[in-house]
Amino acid sequence: MNVTADKQIAVRVHDGVGQVGSEAWDACAGGSDPFVSYAFLSALEDTDCVTAKQGWLPQHLAIEDDDGRVVARRHAQAGVAVD
């Protein structure tokens, strides 16, 4: 999907990686670093390893279109690209 003049994008803050979703998260994170994968971050959040009490507060940014779909993804050459 290409963002056009009739589409709006927004940067949203999510309190957990689950609010972004595994497919969208891993498309943006890429597969080269397991420590930024959905599975790893979700496991930390689900087991309360990352909580305010532990000194961590999950805050994930997502660039989303009007329909709430994540429109940023990891690009091998350019880092992060917006579709």
Protein backbone atom coordinates (compact mmCIF):
# COMPACT_ATOMS: atom_id res chain seq x y z
CA MET A 1 0.00 0.00 0.00
CA ASN A 2 1.24 3.49 -0.83
CA VAL A 3 0.27 6.41 1.37
CA THR A 4 -1.38 9.04 -0.83
CA ALA A 5 -2.77 12.51 -0.21
CA ASP A 6 -6.16 11.09 0.78
CA LYS A 7 -4.64 8.82 3.43
CA GLN A 8 -3.57 9.96 6.87
CA ILE A 9 -0.84 8.38 8.94
CA ALA A 10 -0.37 8.60 12.67
CA VAL A 11 2.30 7.60 15.15
CA ARG A 12 0.71 5.71 18.01
CA VAL A 13 2.19 4.56 21.30
CA HIS A 14 1.25 1.03 22.33
CA ASP A 15 1.61 -0.28 25.88
CA GLY A 16 2.46 -3.77 24.68
CA VAL A 17 3.83 -5.42 21.57
CA GLY A 18 0.63 -7.47 21.39
CA GLN A 19 -1.28 -4.32 20.45
CA VAL A 20 0.82 -4.10 17.28
CA GLY A 21 0.58 -7.79 16.36
CA SER A 22 3.24 -10.32 15.45
CA GLU A 23 3.04 -10.08 11.66
CA ALA A 24 3.25 -6.28 11.57
CA TRP A 25 5.94 -6.17 14.27
CA ASP A 26 8.23 -8.76 12.68
CA ALA A 27 7.84 -7.17 9.22
CA CYS A 28 9.22 -3.95 10.66
CA ALA A 29 11.79 -5.51 13.00
CA GLY A 30 13.31 -7.80 10.39
CA GLY A 31 14.76 -11.17 11.20
CA SER A 32 18.41 -10.47 11.91
CA ASP A 33 18.18 -9.58 15.62
CA PRO A 34 16.22 -12.01 17.82
CA PHE A 35 16.14 -9.48 20.67
CA VAL A 36 13.72 -7.23 18.77
CA SER A 37 11.48 -10.04 17.54
CA TYR A 38 7.83 -10.20 18.50
CA ALA A 39 8.33 -13.58 20.19
CA PHE A 40 11.12 -12.30 22.44
CA LEU A 41 9.47 -9.01 23.42
CA SER A 42 6.09 -10.67 23.91
CA ALA A 43 7.65 -13.27 26.20
CA LEU A 44 9.25 -10.51 28.31
CA GLU A 45 5.95 -8.67 28.59
CA ASP A 46 3.80 -11.77 29.21
CA THR A 47 6.03 -12.96 32.06
CA ASP A 48 6.20 -9.49 33.70
CA CYS A 49 9.95 -9.20 33.15
CA VAL A 50 9.40 -5.71 31.75
CA THR A 51 7.16 -3.74 34.08
CA ALA A 52 7.33 -0.35 35.77
CA LYS A 53 8.16 -2.19 39.01
CA GLN A 54 11.17 -3.76 37.28
CA GLY A 55 12.26 -0.39 35.88
CA TRP A 56 10.91 -0.99 32.37
CA LEU A 57 7.79 0.41 30.79
CA PRO A 58 6.94 -1.03 27.35
CA GLN A 59 6.11 1.79 24.93
CA HIS A 60 6.10 0.72 21.29
CA LEU A 61 5.70 3.25 18.47
CA ALA A 62 3.85 2.29 15.31
CA ILE A 63 3.24 4.32 12.17
CA GLU A 64 -0.32 3.46 11.17
CA ASP A 65 -2.76 4.42 8.42
CA ASP A 66 -6.41 5.46 8.82
CA ASP A 67 -7.46 1.85 9.32
CA GLY A 68 -4.89 1.15 12.08
CA ARG A 69 -2.59 -0.89 9.84
CA VAL A 70 1.14 -0.52 10.42
CA VAL A 71 2.56 1.07 7.28
CA ALA A 72 6.24 1.18 8.23
CA ARG A 73 8.42 -1.84 7.63
CA ARG A 74 12.08 -2.72 7.69
CA HIS A 75 13.89 -2.26 4.39
CA ALA A 76 17.21 -4.01 3.84
CA GLN A 77 18.83 -0.98 2.21
CA ALA A 78 17.07 1.99 3.77
CA GLY A 79 16.38 0.96 7.36
CA VAL A 80 12.69 1.69 7.89
CA ALA A 81 10.45 2.58 4.94
CA VAL A 82 6.85 3.72 4.83
CA ASP A 83 4.69 1.77 2.38
